[in-house]
Amino acid sequence: GLDSLLSMVQMPAGIPVACVAINGALNAGLLAVQILAVKYPELM
């Protein structure tokens, strides 16, 4: 998975991709909730 991780974090300027740990699906879901919680008070 190191190849996958490095591909994701080495994005060119102007095309951001946030990145979680290898097989870090739980944190990916939680980060999505946090992003949405800025707009949706019930999620916060």
ModelCIF file with pLDDT and N, C-alpha, C, O atoms, coordinates in Angstrom:
data_MODEL
#
_entry.id   MODEL 
#
_entity.id                         1 
_entity.type                       polymer 
_entity.pdbx_number_of_molecules   1 
#
_entity_poly.entity_id                      1 
_entity_poly.type                           'polypeptide(L)' 
_entity_poly.nstd_linkage                   no 
_entity_poly.nstd_monomer                   no 
_entity_poly.pdbx_seq_one_letter_code       GLDSLLSMVQMPAGIPVACVAINGALNAGLLAVQILAVKYPELM 
_entity_poly.pdbx_seq_one_letter_code_can   GLDSLLSMVQMPAGIPVACVAINGALNAGLLAVQILAVKYPELM 
_entity_poly.pdbx_strand_id                 A 
#
loop_
_entity_poly_seq.entity_id 
_entity_poly_seq.num 
_entity_poly_seq.mon_id 
_entity_poly_seq.hetero 
1 1  GLY n 
1 2  LEU n 
1 3  ASP n 
1 4  SER n 
1 5  LEU n 
1 6  LEU n 
1 7  SER n 
1 8  MET n 
1 9  VAL n 
1 10 GLN n 
1 11 MET n 
1 12 PRO n 
1 13 ALA n 
1 14 GLY n 
1 15 ILE n 
1 16 PRO n 
1 17 VAL n 
1 18 ALA n 
1 19 CYS n 
1 20 VAL n 
1 21 ALA n 
1 22 ILE n 
1 23 ASN n 
1 24 GLY n 
1 25 ALA n 
1 26 LEU n 
1 27 ASN n 
1 28 ALA n 
1 29 GLY n 
1 30 LEU n 
1 31 LEU n 
1 32 ALA n 
1 33 VAL n 
1 34 GLN n 
1 35 ILE n 
1 36 LEU n 
1 37 ALA n 
1 38 VAL n 
1 39 LYS n 
1 40 TYR n 
1 41 PRO n 
1 42 GLU n 
1 43 LEU n 
1 44 MET n 
#
_struct_asym.id          A 
_struct_asym.entity_id   1 
#
loop_
_ma_qa_metric.id 
_ma_qa_metric.mode 
_ma_qa_metric.name 
_ma_qa_metric.software_group_id 
_ma_qa_metric.type 
1 global pLDDT . pLDDT 
2 local  pLDDT . pLDDT 
#
_ma_qa_metric_global.metric_id      1 
_ma_qa_metric_global.metric_value   95.77 
_ma_qa_metric_global.model_id       1 
_ma_qa_metric_global.ordinal_id     1 
#
loop_
_ma_qa_metric_local.label_asym_id 
_ma_qa_metric_local.label_comp_id 
_ma_qa_metric_local.label_seq_id 
_ma_qa_metric_local.metric_id 
_ma_qa_metric_local.metric_value 
_ma_qa_metric_local.model_id 
_ma_qa_metric_local.ordinal_id 
A GLY 1  2 90.00 1 1  
A LEU 2  2 92.00 1 2  
A ASP 3  2 91.00 1 3  
A SER 4  2 92.00 1 4  
A LEU 5  2 93.00 1 5  
A LEU 6  2 92.00 1 6  
A SER 7  2 90.00 1 7  
A MET 8  2 93.00 1 8  
A VAL 9  2 93.00 1 9  
A GLN 10 2 92.00 1 10 
A MET 11 2 92.00 1 11 
A PRO 12 2 93.00 1 12 
A ALA 13 2 94.00 1 13 
A GLY 14 2 95.00 1 14 
A ILE 15 2 95.00 1 15 
A PRO 16 2 96.00 1 16 
A VAL 17 2 97.00 1 17 
A ALA 18 2 97.00 1 18 
A CYS 19 2 97.00 1 19 
A VAL 20 2 98.00 1 20 
A ALA 21 2 97.00 1 21 
A ILE 22 2 96.00 1 22 
A ASN 23 2 97.00 1 23 
A GLY 24 2 98.00 1 24 
A ALA 25 2 98.00 1 25 
A LEU 26 2 98.00 1 26 
A ASN 27 2 98.00 1 27 
A ALA 28 2 98.00 1 28 
A GLY 29 2 98.00 1 29 
A LEU 30 2 98.00 1 30 
A LEU 31 2 98.00 1 31 
A ALA 32 2 98.00 1 32 
A VAL 33 2 98.00 1 33 
A GLN 34 2 98.00 1 34 
A ILE 35 2 98.00 1 35 
A LEU 36 2 98.00 1 36 
A ALA 37 2 98.00 1 37 
A VAL 38 2 97.00 1 38 
A LYS 39 2 97.00 1 39 
A TYR 40 2 97.00 1 40 
A PRO 41 2 97.00 1 41 
A GLU 42 2 97.00 1 42 
A LEU 43 2 97.00 1 43 
A MET 44 2 98.00 1 44 
#
loop_
_atom_site.group_PDB 
_atom_site.id 
_atom_site.type_symbol 
_atom_site.label_atom_id 
_atom_site.label_alt_id 
_atom_site.label_comp_id 
_atom_site.label_asym_id 
_atom_site.label_entity_id 
_atom_site.label_seq_id 
_atom_site.pdbx_PDB_ins_code 
_atom_site.Cartn_x 
_atom_site.Cartn_y 
_atom_site.Cartn_z 
_atom_site.occupancy 
_atom_site.B_iso_or_equiv 
_atom_site.pdbx_formal_charge 
_atom_site.auth_seq_id 
_atom_site.auth_comp_id 
_atom_site.auth_asym_id 
_atom_site.auth_atom_id 
_atom_site.pdbx_PDB_model_num 
ATOM 1   N N  . GLY A 1 1  ? 0.778   -1.225 0.000  1.00 90.00 ? 1  GLY A N  1 
ATOM 2   C CA . GLY A 1 1  ? 0.000   0.000  0.000  1.00 90.00 ? 1  GLY A CA 1 
ATOM 3   C C  . GLY A 1 1  ? 0.812   1.278  0.000  1.00 90.00 ? 1  GLY A C  1 
ATOM 4   O O  . GLY A 1 1  ? 0.256   2.362  -0.180 1.00 90.00 ? 1  GLY A O  1 
ATOM 5   N N  . LEU A 1 2  ? 2.123   1.172  0.200  1.00 92.00 ? 2  LEU A N  1 
ATOM 6   C CA . LEU A 1 2  ? 2.959   2.372  0.185  1.00 92.00 ? 2  LEU A CA 1 
ATOM 7   C C  . LEU A 1 2  ? 2.898   3.061  -1.176 1.00 92.00 ? 2  LEU A C  1 
ATOM 8   O O  . LEU A 1 2  ? 2.908   4.289  -1.258 1.00 92.00 ? 2  LEU A O  1 
ATOM 9   N N  . ASP A 1 3  ? 2.835   2.271  -2.234 1.00 91.00 ? 3  ASP A N  1 
ATOM 10  C CA . ASP A 1 3  ? 2.714   2.848  -3.575 1.00 91.00 ? 3  ASP A CA 1 
ATOM 11  C C  . ASP A 1 3  ? 1.437   3.671  -3.693 1.00 91.00 ? 3  ASP A C  1 
ATOM 12  O O  . ASP A 1 3  ? 1.445   4.760  -4.267 1.00 91.00 ? 3  ASP A O  1 
ATOM 13  N N  . SER A 1 4  ? 0.351   3.155  -3.153 1.00 92.00 ? 4  SER A N  1 
ATOM 14  C CA . SER A 1 4  ? -0.934  3.858  -3.196 1.00 92.00 ? 4  SER A CA 1 
ATOM 15  C C  . SER A 1 4  ? -0.882  5.149  -2.383 1.00 92.00 ? 4  SER A C  1 
ATOM 16  O O  . SER A 1 4  ? -1.333  6.202  -2.833 1.00 92.00 ? 4  SER A O  1 
ATOM 17  N N  . LEU A 1 5  ? -0.328  5.049  -1.189 1.00 93.00 ? 5  LEU A N  1 
ATOM 18  C CA . LEU A 1 5  ? -0.215  6.214  -0.316 1.00 93.00 ? 5  LEU A CA 1 
ATOM 19  C C  . LEU A 1 5  ? 0.585   7.320  -0.989 1.00 93.00 ? 5  LEU A C  1 
ATOM 20  O O  . LEU A 1 5  ? 0.160   8.476  -1.007 1.00 93.00 ? 5  LEU A O  1 
ATOM 21  N N  . LEU A 1 6  ? 1.733   6.973  -1.539 1.00 92.00 ? 6  LEU A N  1 
ATOM 22  C CA . LEU A 1 6  ? 2.582   7.982  -2.157 1.00 92.00 ? 6  LEU A CA 1 
ATOM 23  C C  . LEU A 1 6  ? 1.923   8.596  -3.384 1.00 92.00 ? 6  LEU A C  1 
ATOM 24  O O  . LEU A 1 6  ? 2.079   9.790  -3.639 1.00 92.00 ? 6  LEU A O  1 
ATOM 25  N N  . SER A 1 7  ? 1.190   7.793  -4.142 1.00 90.00 ? 7  SER A N  1 
ATOM 26  C CA . SER A 1 7  ? 0.461   8.344  -5.297 1.00 90.00 ? 7  SER A CA 1 
ATOM 27  C C  . SER A 1 7  ? -0.542  9.393  -4.855 1.00 90.00 ? 7  SER A C  1 
ATOM 28  O O  . SER A 1 7  ? -0.706  10.418 -5.517 1.00 90.00 ? 7  SER A O  1 
ATOM 29  N N  . MET A 1 8  ? -1.208  9.145  -3.748 1.00 93.00 ? 8  MET A N  1 
ATOM 30  C CA . MET A 1 8  ? -2.251  10.065 -3.296 1.00 93.00 ? 8  MET A CA 1 
ATOM 31  C C  . MET A 1 8  ? -1.700  11.343 -2.679 1.00 93.00 ? 8  MET A C  1 
ATOM 32  O O  . MET A 1 8  ? -2.265  12.417 -2.884 1.00 93.00 ? 8  MET A O  1 
ATOM 33  N N  . VAL A 1 9  ? -0.630  11.249 -1.943 1.00 93.00 ? 9  VAL A N  1 
ATOM 34  C CA . VAL A 1 9  ? -0.125  12.449 -1.266 1.00 93.00 ? 9  VAL A CA 1 
ATOM 35  C C  . VAL A 1 9  ? 0.759   13.316 -2.158 1.00 93.00 ? 9  VAL A C  1 
ATOM 36  O O  . VAL A 1 9  ? 1.097   14.438 -1.783 1.00 93.00 ? 9  VAL A O  1 
ATOM 37  N N  . GLN A 1 10 ? 1.136   12.815 -3.326 1.00 92.00 ? 10 GLN A N  1 
ATOM 38  C CA . GLN A 1 10 ? 2.011   13.574 -4.224 1.00 92.00 ? 10 GLN A CA 1 
ATOM 39  C C  . GLN A 1 10 ? 1.231   14.271 -5.343 1.00 92.00 ? 10 GLN A C  1 
ATOM 40  O O  . GLN A 1 10 ? 1.686   14.309 -6.486 1.00 92.00 ? 10 GLN A O  1 
ATOM 41  N N  . MET A 1 11 ? 0.083   14.810 -5.022 1.00 92.00 ? 11 MET A N  1 
ATOM 42  C CA . MET A 1 11 ? -0.721  15.499 -6.023 1.00 92.00 ? 11 MET A CA 1 
ATOM 43  C C  . MET A 1 11 ? -0.082  16.843 -6.391 1.00 92.00 ? 11 MET A C  1 
ATOM 44  O O  . MET A 1 11 ? 0.558   17.484 -5.557 1.00 92.00 ? 11 MET A O  1 
ATOM 45  N N  . PRO A 1 12 ? -0.262  17.259 -7.645 1.00 93.00 ? 12 PRO A N  1 
ATOM 46  C CA . PRO A 1 12 ? 0.304   18.552 -8.047 1.00 93.00 ? 12 PRO A CA 1 
ATOM 47  C C  . PRO A 1 12 ? -0.453  19.716 -7.403 1.00 93.00 ? 12 PRO A C  1 
ATOM 48  O O  . PRO A 1 12 ? -1.611  19.576 -7.010 1.00 93.00 ? 12 PRO A O  1 
ATOM 49  N N  . ALA A 1 13 ? 0.205   20.842 -7.303 1.00 94.00 ? 13 ALA A N  1 
ATOM 50  C CA . ALA A 1 13 ? -0.405  22.046 -6.737 1.00 94.00 ? 13 ALA A CA 1 
ATOM 51  C C  . ALA A 1 13 ? -1.707  22.360 -7.469 1.00 94.00 ? 13 ALA A C  1 
ATOM 52  O O  . ALA A 1 13 ? -1.773  22.319 -8.697 1.00 94.00 ? 13 ALA A O  1 
ATOM 53  N N  . GLY A 1 14 ? -2.724  22.671 -6.699 1.00 95.00 ? 14 GLY A N  1 
ATOM 54  C CA . GLY A 1 14 ? -4.009  23.036 -7.265 1.00 95.00 ? 14 GLY A CA 1 
ATOM 55  C C  . GLY A 1 14 ? -5.007  21.900 -7.365 1.00 95.00 ? 14 GLY A C  1 
ATOM 56  O O  . GLY A 1 14 ? -6.180  22.136 -7.651 1.00 95.00 ? 14 GLY A O  1 
ATOM 57  N N  . ILE A 1 15 ? -4.562  20.666 -7.133 1.00 95.00 ? 15 ILE A N  1 
ATOM 58  C CA . ILE A 1 15 ? -5.448  19.494 -7.190 1.00 95.00 ? 15 ILE A CA 1 
ATOM 59  C C  . ILE A 1 15 ? -5.307  18.749 -5.858 1.00 95.00 ? 15 ILE A C  1 
ATOM 60  O O  . ILE A 1 15 ? -4.707  17.675 -5.815 1.00 95.00 ? 15 ILE A O  1 
ATOM 61  N N  . PRO A 1 16 ? -5.856  19.310 -4.768 1.00 96.00 ? 16 PRO A N  1 
ATOM 62  C CA . PRO A 1 16 ? -5.668  18.669 -3.471 1.00 96.00 ? 16 PRO A CA 1 
ATOM 63  C C  . PRO A 1 16 ? -6.497  17.395 -3.312 1.00 96.00 ? 16 PRO A C  1 
ATOM 64  O O  . PRO A 1 16 ? -7.646  17.312 -3.745 1.00 96.00 ? 16 PRO A O  1 
ATOM 65  N N  . VAL A 1 17 ? -5.880  16.426 -2.686 1.00 97.00 ? 17 VAL A N  1 
ATOM 66  C CA . VAL A 1 17 ? -6.554  15.203 -2.255 1.00 97.00 ? 17 VAL A CA 1 
ATOM 67  C C  . VAL A 1 17 ? -6.100  14.966 -0.819 1.00 97.00 ? 17 VAL A C  1 
ATOM 68  O O  . VAL A 1 17 ? -4.922  14.713 -0.570 1.00 97.00 ? 17 VAL A O  1 
ATOM 69  N N  . ALA A 1 18 ? -7.038  15.048 0.127  1.00 97.00 ? 18 ALA A N  1 
ATOM 70  C CA . ALA A 1 18 ? -6.702  14.703 1.509  1.00 97.00 ? 18 ALA A CA 1 
ATOM 71  C C  . ALA A 1 18 ? -6.421  13.211 1.530  1.00 97.00 ? 18 ALA A C  1 
ATOM 72  O O  . ALA A 1 18 ? -6.933  12.482 0.680  1.00 97.00 ? 18 ALA A O  1 
ATOM 73  N N  . CYS A 1 19 ? -5.637  12.745 2.460  1.00 97.00 ? 19 CYS A N  1 
ATOM 74  C CA . CYS A 1 19 ? -5.274  11.337 2.449  1.00 97.00 ? 19 CYS A CA 1 
ATOM 75  C C  . CYS A 1 19 ? -5.246  10.794 3.879  1.00 97.00 ? 19 CYS A C  1 
ATOM 76  O O  . CYS A 1 19 ? -4.738  11.433 4.799  1.00 97.00 ? 19 CYS A O  1 
ATOM 77  N N  . VAL A 1 20 ? -5.806  9.599  4.031  1.00 98.00 ? 20 VAL A N  1 
ATOM 78  C CA . VAL A 1 20 ? -5.771  8.914  5.319  1.00 98.00 ? 20 VAL A CA 1 
ATOM 79  C C  . VAL A 1 20 ? -4.787  7.752  5.212  1.00 98.00 ? 20 VAL A C  1 
ATOM 80  O O  . VAL A 1 20 ? -4.173  7.544  4.166  1.00 98.00 ? 20 VAL A O  1 
ATOM 81  N N  . ALA A 1 21 ? -4.646  7.019  6.271  1.00 97.00 ? 21 ALA A N  1 
ATOM 82  C CA . ALA A 1 21 ? -3.698  5.908  6.324  1.00 97.00 ? 21 ALA A CA 1 
ATOM 83  C C  . ALA A 1 21 ? -4.080  4.791  5.352  1.00 97.00 ? 21 ALA A C  1 
ATOM 84  O O  . ALA A 1 21 ? -5.221  4.706  4.900  1.00 97.00 ? 21 ALA A O  1 
ATOM 85  N N  . ILE A 1 22 ? -3.127  3.958  5.049  1.00 96.00 ? 22 ILE A N  1 
ATOM 86  C CA . ILE A 1 22 ? -3.369  2.771  4.223  1.00 96.00 ? 22 ILE A CA 1 
ATOM 87  C C  . ILE A 1 22 ? -4.441  1.928  4.910  1.00 96.00 ? 22 ILE A C  1 
ATOM 88  O O  . ILE A 1 22 ? -4.322  1.581  6.085  1.00 96.00 ? 22 ILE A O  1 
ATOM 89  N N  . ASN A 1 23 ? -5.487  1.605  4.154  1.00 97.00 ? 23 ASN A N  1 
ATOM 90  C CA . ASN A 1 23 ? -6.660  0.876  4.663  1.00 97.00 ? 23 ASN A CA 1 
ATOM 91  C C  . ASN A 1 23 ? -7.329  1.614  5.828  1.00 97.00 ? 23 ASN A C  1 
ATOM 92  O O  . ASN A 1 23 ? -7.947  0.985  6.687  1.00 97.00 ? 23 ASN A O  1 
ATOM 93  N N  . GLY A 1 24 ? -7.209  2.919  5.857  1.00 98.00 ? 24 GLY A N  1 
ATOM 94  C CA . GLY A 1 24 ? -7.778  3.735  6.939  1.00 98.00 ? 24 GLY A CA 1 
ATOM 95  C C  . GLY A 1 24 ? -9.199  4.192  6.644  1.00 98.00 ? 24 GLY A C  1 
ATOM 96  O O  . GLY A 1 24 ? -9.515  5.375  6.772  1.00 98.00 ? 24 GLY A O  1 
ATOM 97  N N  . ALA A 1 25 ? -10.050 3.260  6.250  1.00 98.00 ? 25 ALA A N  1 
ATOM 98  C CA . ALA A 1 25 ? -11.411 3.596  5.835  1.00 98.00 ? 25 ALA A CA 1 
ATOM 99  C C  . ALA A 1 25 ? -12.224 4.263  6.938  1.00 98.00 ? 25 ALA A C  1 
ATOM 100 O O  . ALA A 1 25 ? -12.980 5.195  6.664  1.00 98.00 ? 25 ALA A O  1 
ATOM 101 N N  . LEU A 1 26 ? -12.082 3.809  8.165  1.00 98.00 ? 26 LEU A N  1 
ATOM 102 C CA . LEU A 1 26 ? -12.842 4.426  9.257  1.00 98.00 ? 26 LEU A CA 1 
ATOM 103 C C  . LEU A 1 26 ? -12.523 5.918  9.334  1.00 98.00 ? 26 LEU A C  1 
ATOM 104 O O  . LEU A 1 26 ? -13.432 6.744  9.427  1.00 98.00 ? 26 LEU A O  1 
ATOM 105 N N  . ASN A 1 27 ? -11.247 6.263  9.295  1.00 98.00 ? 27 ASN A N  1 
ATOM 106 C CA . ASN A 1 27 ? -10.874 7.680  9.360  1.00 98.00 ? 27 ASN A CA 1 
ATOM 107 C C  . ASN A 1 27 ? -11.319 8.441  8.120  1.00 98.00 ? 27 ASN A C  1 
ATOM 108 O O  . ASN A 1 27 ? -11.644 9.625  8.214  1.00 98.00 ? 27 ASN A O  1 
ATOM 109 N N  . ALA A 1 28 ? -11.343 7.795  6.966  1.00 98.00 ? 28 ALA A N  1 
ATOM 110 C CA . ALA A 1 28 ? -11.857 8.466  5.763  1.00 98.00 ? 28 ALA A CA 1 
ATOM 111 C C  . ALA A 1 28 ? -13.321 8.839  5.965  1.00 98.00 ? 28 ALA A C  1 
ATOM 112 O O  . ALA A 1 28 ? -13.734 9.953  5.641  1.00 98.00 ? 28 ALA A O  1 
ATOM 113 N N  . GLY A 1 29 ? -14.099 7.913  6.496  1.00 98.00 ? 29 GLY A N  1 
ATOM 114 C CA . GLY A 1 29 ? -15.503 8.194  6.766  1.00 98.00 ? 29 GLY A CA 1 
ATOM 115 C C  . GLY A 1 29 ? -15.674 9.283  7.801  1.00 98.00 ? 29 GLY A C  1 
ATOM 116 O O  . GLY A 1 29 ? -16.519 10.165 7.648  1.00 98.00 ? 29 GLY A O  1 
ATOM 117 N N  . LEU A 1 30 ? -14.877 9.227  8.854  1.00 98.00 ? 30 LEU A N  1 
ATOM 118 C CA . LEU A 1 30 ? -14.968 10.250 9.904  1.00 98.00 ? 30 LEU A CA 1 
ATOM 119 C C  . LEU A 1 30 ? -14.538 11.624 9.391  1.00 98.00 ? 30 LEU A C  1 
ATOM 120 O O  . LEU A 1 30 ? -15.131 12.636 9.765  1.00 98.00 ? 30 LEU A O  1 
ATOM 121 N N  . LEU A 1 31 ? -13.526 11.666 8.550  1.00 98.00 ? 31 LEU A N  1 
ATOM 122 C CA . LEU A 1 31 ? -13.099 12.944 7.978  1.00 98.00 ? 31 LEU A CA 1 
ATOM 123 C C  . LEU A 1 31 ? -14.209 13.517 7.094  1.00 98.00 ? 31 LEU A C  1 
ATOM 124 O O  . LEU A 1 31 ? -14.445 14.725 7.103  1.00 98.00 ? 31 LEU A O  1 
ATOM 125 N N  . ALA A 1 32 ? -14.878 12.673 6.348  1.00 98.00 ? 32 ALA A N  1 
ATOM 126 C CA . ALA A 1 32 ? -16.010 13.138 5.537  1.00 98.00 ? 32 ALA A CA 1 
ATOM 127 C C  . ALA A 1 32 ? -17.102 13.720 6.437  1.00 98.00 ? 32 ALA A C  1 
ATOM 128 O O  . ALA A 1 32 ? -17.686 14.756 6.120  1.00 98.00 ? 32 ALA A O  1 
ATOM 129 N N  . VAL A 1 33 ? -17.372 13.059 7.545  1.00 98.00 ? 33 VAL A N  1 
ATOM 130 C CA . VAL A 1 33 ? -18.375 13.575 8.497  1.00 98.00 ? 33 VAL A CA 1 
ATOM 131 C C  . VAL A 1 33 ? -17.936 14.932 9.036  1.00 98.00 ? 33 VAL A C  1 
ATOM 132 O O  . VAL A 1 33 ? -18.747 15.854 9.121  1.00 98.00 ? 33 VAL A O  1 
ATOM 133 N N  . GLN A 1 34 ? -16.674 15.062 9.397  1.00 98.00 ? 34 GLN A N  1 
ATOM 134 C CA . GLN A 1 34 ? -16.184 16.343 9.911  1.00 98.00 ? 34 GLN A CA 1 
ATOM 135 C C  . GLN A 1 34 ? -16.323 17.459 8.876  1.00 98.00 ? 34 GLN A C  1 
ATOM 136 O O  . GLN A 1 34 ? -16.707 18.578 9.216  1.00 98.00 ? 34 GLN A O  1 
ATOM 137 N N  . ILE A 1 35 ? -16.015 17.160 7.631  1.00 98.00 ? 35 ILE A N  1 
ATOM 138 C CA . ILE A 1 35 ? -16.154 18.161 6.568  1.00 98.00 ? 35 ILE A CA 1 
ATOM 139 C C  . ILE A 1 35 ? -17.613 18.586 6.455  1.00 98.00 ? 35 ILE A C  1 
ATOM 140 O O  . ILE A 1 35 ? -17.921 19.776 6.383  1.00 98.00 ? 35 ILE A O  1 
ATOM 141 N N  . LEU A 1 36 ? -18.498 17.610 6.440  1.00 98.00 ? 36 LEU A N  1 
ATOM 142 C CA . LEU A 1 36 ? -19.930 17.901 6.314  1.00 98.00 ? 36 LEU A CA 1 
ATOM 143 C C  . LEU A 1 36 ? -20.483 18.610 7.549  1.00 98.00 ? 36 LEU A C  1 
ATOM 144 O O  . LEU A 1 36 ? -21.430 19.390 7.449  1.00 98.00 ? 36 LEU A O  1 
ATOM 145 N N  . ALA A 1 37 ? -19.895 18.337 8.709  1.00 98.00 ? 37 ALA A N  1 
ATOM 146 C CA . ALA A 1 37 ? -20.387 18.921 9.961  1.00 98.00 ? 37 ALA A CA 1 
ATOM 147 C C  . ALA A 1 37 ? -20.249 20.440 9.987  1.00 98.00 ? 37 ALA A C  1 
ATOM 148 O O  . ALA A 1 37 ? -20.933 21.103 10.767 1.00 98.00 ? 37 ALA A O  1 
ATOM 149 N N  . VAL A 1 38 ? -19.402 20.990 9.172  1.00 97.00 ? 38 VAL A N  1 
ATOM 150 C CA . VAL A 1 38 ? -19.280 22.446 9.068  1.00 97.00 ? 38 VAL A CA 1 
ATOM 151 C C  . VAL A 1 38 ? -20.588 23.045 8.546  1.00 97.00 ? 38 VAL A C  1 
ATOM 152 O O  . VAL A 1 38 ? -20.963 24.157 8.918  1.00 97.00 ? 38 VAL A O  1 
ATOM 153 N N  . LYS A 1 39 ? -21.270 22.302 7.689  1.00 97.00 ? 39 LYS A N  1 
ATOM 154 C CA . LYS A 1 39 ? -22.524 22.765 7.087  1.00 97.00 ? 39 LYS A CA 1 
ATOM 155 C C  . LYS A 1 39 ? -23.762 22.257 7.825  1.00 97.00 ? 39 LYS A C  1 
ATOM 156 O O  . LYS A 1 39 ? -24.783 22.942 7.874  1.00 97.00 ? 39 LYS A O  1 
ATOM 157 N N  . TYR A 1 40 ? -23.671 21.054 8.400  1.00 97.00 ? 40 TYR A N  1 
ATOM 158 C CA . TYR A 1 40 ? -24.826 20.405 9.009  1.00 97.00 ? 40 TYR A CA 1 
ATOM 159 C C  . TYR A 1 40 ? -24.642 20.319 10.521 1.00 97.00 ? 40 TYR A C  1 
ATOM 160 O O  . TYR A 1 40 ? -23.902 19.460 11.002 1.00 97.00 ? 40 TYR A O  1 
ATOM 161 N N  . PRO A 1 41 ? -25.305 21.199 11.280 1.00 97.00 ? 41 PRO A N  1 
ATOM 162 C CA . PRO A 1 41 ? -25.138 21.213 12.734 1.00 97.00 ? 41 PRO A CA 1 
ATOM 163 C C  . PRO A 1 41 ? -25.469 19.880 13.400 1.00 97.00 ? 41 PRO A C  1 
ATOM 164 O O  . PRO A 1 41 ? -24.844 19.524 14.399 1.00 97.00 ? 41 PRO A O  1 
ATOM 165 N N  . GLU A 1 42 ? -26.437 19.137 12.867 1.00 97.00 ? 42 GLU A N  1 
ATOM 166 C CA . GLU A 1 42 ? -26.782 17.850 13.475 1.00 97.00 ? 42 GLU A CA 1 
ATOM 167 C C  . GLU A 1 42 ? -25.620 16.851 13.365 1.00 97.00 ? 42 GLU A C  1 
ATOM 168 O O  . GLU A 1 42 ? -25.445 16.007 14.243 1.00 97.00 ? 42 GLU A O  1 
ATOM 169 N N  . LEU A 1 43 ? -24.835 16.947 12.296 1.00 97.00 ? 43 LEU A N  1 
ATOM 170 C CA . LEU A 1 43 ? -23.649 16.088 12.187 1.00 97.00 ? 43 LEU A CA 1 
ATOM 171 C C  . LEU A 1 43 ? -22.576 16.523 13.176 1.00 97.00 ? 43 LEU A C  1 
ATOM 172 O O  . LEU A 1 43 ? -21.874 15.683 13.738 1.00 97.00 ? 43 LEU A O  1 
ATOM 173 N N  . MET A 1 44 ? -22.444 17.829 13.392 1.00 98.00 ? 44 MET A N  1 
ATOM 174 C CA . MET A 1 44 ? -21.474 18.310 14.381 1.00 98.00 ? 44 MET A CA 1 
ATOM 175 C C  . MET A 1 44 ? -21.836 17.769 15.760 1.00 98.00 ? 44 MET A C  1 
ATOM 176 O O  . MET A 1 44 ? -21.144 18.056 16.737 1.00 98.00 ? 44 MET A O  1 
#
